[in-house]
Amino acid sequence: MAVVVGASRVTVRRYLEHLADIDQVVRRPRYGGGGRPEVEYRWGSSRG
């Protein structure tokens, strides 16, 4: 995402976190193999 919009990864993460805080995107952990889980963001409200 950072490469597509031409911003740093930190800036993109902060903006996505802001969108999640105001219920514009849904934030969910995504578990893969080993290591730290990734965070997945999807458009939509978490309020159902």
C-alpha atoms as a PDB file:
ATOM      1  CA  MET A   1       0.000   0.000   0.000  1.00  0.00           C
ATOM      2  CA  ALA A   2       2.805   2.424   0.885  1.00  0.00           C
ATOM      3  CA  VAL A   3       4.407   2.063  -2.543  1.00  0.00           C
ATOM      4  CA  VAL A   4       1.064   2.548  -4.327  1.00  0.00           C
ATOM      5  CA  VAL A   5       0.249   5.830  -2.560  1.00  0.00           C
ATOM      6  CA  GLY A   6       3.845   7.032  -2.404  1.00  0.00           C
ATOM      7  CA  ALA A   7       4.056   7.333   1.372  1.00  0.00           C
ATOM      8  CA  SER A   8       6.143   5.676   4.063  1.00  0.00           C
ATOM      9  CA  ARG A   9       4.947   2.463   5.697  1.00  0.00           C
ATOM     10  CA  VAL A  10       4.663   4.261   9.043  1.00  0.00           C
ATOM     11  CA  THR A  11       2.462   6.997   7.552  1.00  0.00           C
ATOM     12  CA  VAL A  12       0.189   4.454   5.885  1.00  0.00           C
ATOM     13  CA  ARG A  13      -0.101   2.395   9.085  1.00  0.00           C
ATOM     14  CA  ARG A  14      -0.972   5.487  11.128  1.00  0.00           C
ATOM     15  CA  TYR A  15      -3.628   6.523   8.620  1.00  0.00           C
ATOM     16  CA  LEU A  16      -5.140   3.017   8.558  1.00  0.00           C
ATOM     17  CA  GLU A  17      -5.191   2.980  12.371  1.00  0.00           C
ATOM     18  CA  HIS A  18      -6.972   6.360  12.316  1.00  0.00           C
ATOM     19  CA  LEU A  19      -9.559   5.000   9.858  1.00  0.00           C
ATOM     20  CA  ALA A  20     -10.091   1.988  12.131  1.00  0.00           C
ATOM     21  CA  ASP A  21     -10.538   4.263  15.160  1.00  0.00           C
ATOM     22  CA  ILE A  22     -13.309   6.200  13.397  1.00  0.00           C
ATOM     23  CA  ASP A  23     -14.968   2.976  12.120  1.00  0.00           C
ATOM     24  CA  GLN A  24     -14.231   3.486   8.429  1.00  0.00           C
ATOM     25  CA  VAL A  25     -12.246   0.245   8.171  1.00  0.00           C
ATOM     26  CA  VAL A  26     -12.283  -3.015  10.123  1.00  0.00           C
ATOM     27  CA  ARG A  27      -9.007  -4.133  11.694  1.00  0.00           C
ATOM     28  CA  ARG A  28      -8.400  -7.898  12.132  1.00  0.00           C
ATOM     29  CA  PRO A  29      -5.313  -9.974  12.929  1.00  0.00           C
ATOM     30  CA  ARG A  30      -4.276 -12.403  10.183  1.00  0.00           C
ATOM     31  CA  TYR A  31      -2.338 -15.426  11.363  1.00  0.00           C
ATOM     32  CA  GLY A  32       0.039 -17.151   8.984  1.00  0.00           C
ATOM     33  CA  GLY A  33       2.810 -19.602   9.596  1.00  0.00           C
ATOM     34  CA  GLY A  34       5.399 -18.503  12.096  1.00  0.00           C
ATOM     35  CA  GLY A  35       6.260 -15.120  13.423  1.00  0.00           C
ATOM     36  CA  ARG A  36       4.156 -12.117  14.261  1.00  0.00           C
ATOM     37  CA  PRO A  37       0.552 -11.958  12.992  1.00  0.00           C
ATOM     38  CA  GLU A  38      -0.219  -9.343  10.354  1.00  0.00           C
ATOM     39  CA  VAL A  39      -3.010  -6.804  10.664  1.00  0.00           C
ATOM     40  CA  GLU A  40      -5.612  -6.826   7.893  1.00  0.00           C
ATOM     41  CA  TYR A  41      -7.737  -3.752   7.141  1.00  0.00           C
ATOM     42  CA  ARG A  42     -11.020  -3.954   5.226  1.00  0.00           C
ATOM     43  CA  TRP A  43     -13.470  -1.245   4.230  1.00  0.00           C
ATOM     44  CA  GLY A  44     -16.642  -1.239   6.318  1.00  0.00           C
ATOM     45  CA  SER A  45     -17.876  -0.577   9.794  1.00  0.00           C
ATOM     46  CA  SER A  46     -17.173  -2.804  12.777  1.00  0.00           C
ATOM     47  CA  ARG A  47     -20.560  -1.867  14.245  1.00  0.00           C
ATOM     48  CA  GLY A  48     -22.461  -4.332  12.056  1.00  0.00           C
END
